[in-house]
Amino acid sequence: MMKVLNWLVSGVLISLLIVLAGVLTNNMAYVSKANADDSNKAHHASIVKIERILAQTEFDVSQKRDLLRKTRIEFYLAEAKQADLRNWTFKRDDLIGRAKNILVHHQTQFTFTTTEFASI
């Protein structure tokens, strides 16, 4: 009985220490943060290129599919910028690839866009 009680108390103490350490550090040791100075940093060339082509592409936002595509592309670009600020190259490249795929799909479905999509 004493061994069970000893194990129980030890388990509770260790759990409390883990929770206390998590609360006190506020999990900051595990999260990469961007500095305020980083927001003025130039973004990766592929982000700038996709943004430029996106600005030249026409979307009929009255149609749900075009509005959804444009919203998703803008979301992926915003996330890619955050990943770029944190130097998360794999995540940045993945998000740029997603935005690029949607943009290329949109441009191949509709002919009233720029001809620059083939160079993406």
Protein backbone atom coordinates (compact mmCIF):
# COMPACT_ATOMS: atom_id res chain seq x y z
CA MET A 1 0.00 0.00 0.00
CA MET A 2 2.85 2.36 0.84
CA LYS A 3 4.50 1.77 -2.56
CA VAL A 4 1.28 2.62 -4.40
CA LEU A 5 0.87 5.78 -2.36
CA ASN A 6 4.52 6.70 -3.02
CA TRP A 7 4.04 6.21 -6.80
CA LEU A 8 0.84 8.23 -6.74
CA VAL A 9 2.40 11.17 -4.89
CA SER A 10 5.46 11.09 -7.16
CA GLY A 11 3.27 11.10 -10.25
CA VAL A 12 1.21 14.02 -8.99
CA LEU A 13 4.33 16.03 -8.09
CA ILE A 14 5.97 15.42 -11.45
CA SER A 15 2.75 16.36 -13.27
CA LEU A 16 2.46 19.56 -11.25
CA LEU A 17 6.06 20.46 -12.02
CA ILE A 18 5.48 19.94 -15.74
CA VAL A 19 2.32 22.06 -15.69
CA LEU A 20 4.03 24.75 -13.62
CA ALA A 21 7.00 24.85 -15.98
CA GLY A 22 4.61 25.18 -18.94
CA VAL A 23 2.67 28.00 -17.32
CA LEU A 24 5.72 29.94 -16.19
CA THR A 25 7.53 29.76 -19.51
CA ASN A 26 4.26 30.27 -21.38
CA ASN A 27 5.60 27.83 -23.99
CA MET A 28 7.83 30.54 -25.42
CA ALA A 29 10.86 28.29 -25.68
CA TYR A 30 9.14 26.19 -28.36
CA VAL A 31 7.62 28.89 -30.56
CA SER A 32 9.63 30.76 -33.14
CA LYS A 33 8.83 34.45 -33.14
CA ALA A 34 9.38 37.12 -35.70
CA ASN A 35 10.72 40.48 -34.62
CA ALA A 36 8.93 43.73 -35.33
CA ASP A 37 11.86 44.70 -37.55
CA ASP A 38 11.23 41.63 -39.71
CA SER A 39 7.95 42.98 -41.08
CA ASN A 40 9.91 45.41 -43.25
CA LYS A 41 12.16 42.64 -44.55
CA ALA A 42 11.86 41.86 -48.26
CA HIS A 43 10.04 38.60 -48.86
CA HIS A 44 11.31 35.65 -50.82
CA ALA A 45 11.39 36.16 -54.59
CA SER A 46 8.78 33.47 -55.24
CA ILE A 47 6.31 35.21 -52.90
CA VAL A 48 6.82 38.51 -54.72
CA LYS A 49 6.40 36.79 -58.08
CA ILE A 50 3.13 35.08 -57.10
CA GLU A 51 1.83 38.37 -55.66
CA ARG A 52 2.67 40.21 -58.87
CA ILE A 53 0.92 37.63 -61.03
CA LEU A 54 -2.05 37.56 -58.63
CA ALA A 55 -2.41 41.33 -58.96
CA GLN A 56 -2.57 40.97 -62.75
CA THR A 57 -5.06 38.11 -62.69
CA GLU A 58 -8.75 38.88 -62.96
CA PHE A 59 -11.23 37.27 -60.59
CA ASP A 60 -15.00 37.56 -60.89
CA VAL A 61 -15.72 37.79 -57.17
CA SER A 62 -19.45 37.64 -57.82
CA GLN A 63 -18.90 33.96 -58.58
CA LYS A 64 -18.31 31.80 -55.54
CA ARG A 65 -15.55 29.70 -57.10
CA ASP A 66 -13.48 32.75 -58.06
CA LEU A 67 -13.98 34.37 -54.67
CA LEU A 68 -12.93 31.14 -52.94
CA ARG A 69 -9.85 30.78 -55.12
CA LYS A 70 -8.75 34.35 -54.54
CA THR A 71 -9.34 34.08 -50.79
CA ARG A 72 -7.37 30.85 -50.55
CA ILE A 73 -4.47 32.24 -52.59
CA GLU A 74 -4.32 35.34 -50.38
CA PHE A 75 -4.46 33.17 -47.25
CA TYR A 76 -1.62 30.93 -48.44
CA LEU A 77 0.48 33.97 -49.38
CA ALA A 78 -0.07 35.55 -45.96
CA GLU A 79 0.94 32.29 -44.26
CA ALA A 80 3.96 31.98 -46.56
CA LYS A 81 5.06 35.49 -45.57
CA GLN A 82 4.86 34.56 -41.90
CA ALA A 83 6.82 31.38 -42.54
CA ASP A 84 9.40 33.41 -44.46
CA LEU A 85 9.79 35.82 -41.55
CA ARG A 86 10.44 32.88 -39.24
CA ASN A 87 12.86 31.28 -41.74
CA TRP A 88 10.67 28.19 -42.10
CA THR A 89 11.74 27.46 -45.65
CA PHE A 90 9.95 24.12 -46.06
CA LYS A 91 6.62 25.50 -44.86
CA ARG A 92 7.08 28.65 -46.95
CA ASP A 93 7.78 26.63 -50.08
CA ASP A 94 4.82 24.34 -49.40
CA LEU A 95 2.44 27.28 -48.99
CA ILE A 96 3.80 29.00 -52.09
CA GLY A 97 3.27 25.77 -54.00
CA ARG A 98 -0.35 25.61 -52.86
CA ALA A 99 -1.00 29.20 -53.87
CA LYS A 100 0.74 28.64 -57.20
CA ASN A 101 -1.32 25.52 -57.95
CA ILE A 102 -4.59 27.35 -57.32
CA LEU A 103 -3.45 30.32 -59.40
CA VAL A 104 -2.34 28.16 -62.32
CA HIS A 105 -5.60 26.21 -62.16
CA HIS A 106 -7.58 29.45 -62.21
CA GLN A 107 -5.61 30.78 -65.14
CA THR A 108 -5.95 27.58 -67.16
CA GLN A 109 -9.71 27.53 -66.58
CA PHE A 110 -10.27 31.10 -67.75
CA THR A 111 -8.79 32.92 -70.71
CA PHE A 112 -9.21 36.53 -69.54
CA THR A 113 -6.02 36.53 -67.49
CA THR A 114 -2.39 37.29 -68.12
CA THR A 115 -0.20 35.03 -70.20
CA GLU A 116 2.50 35.00 -67.55
CA PHE A 117 1.17 31.92 -65.71
CA ALA A 118 3.29 29.60 -67.82
CA SER A 119 6.43 31.14 -66.32
CA ILE A 120 5.46 30.37 -62.72
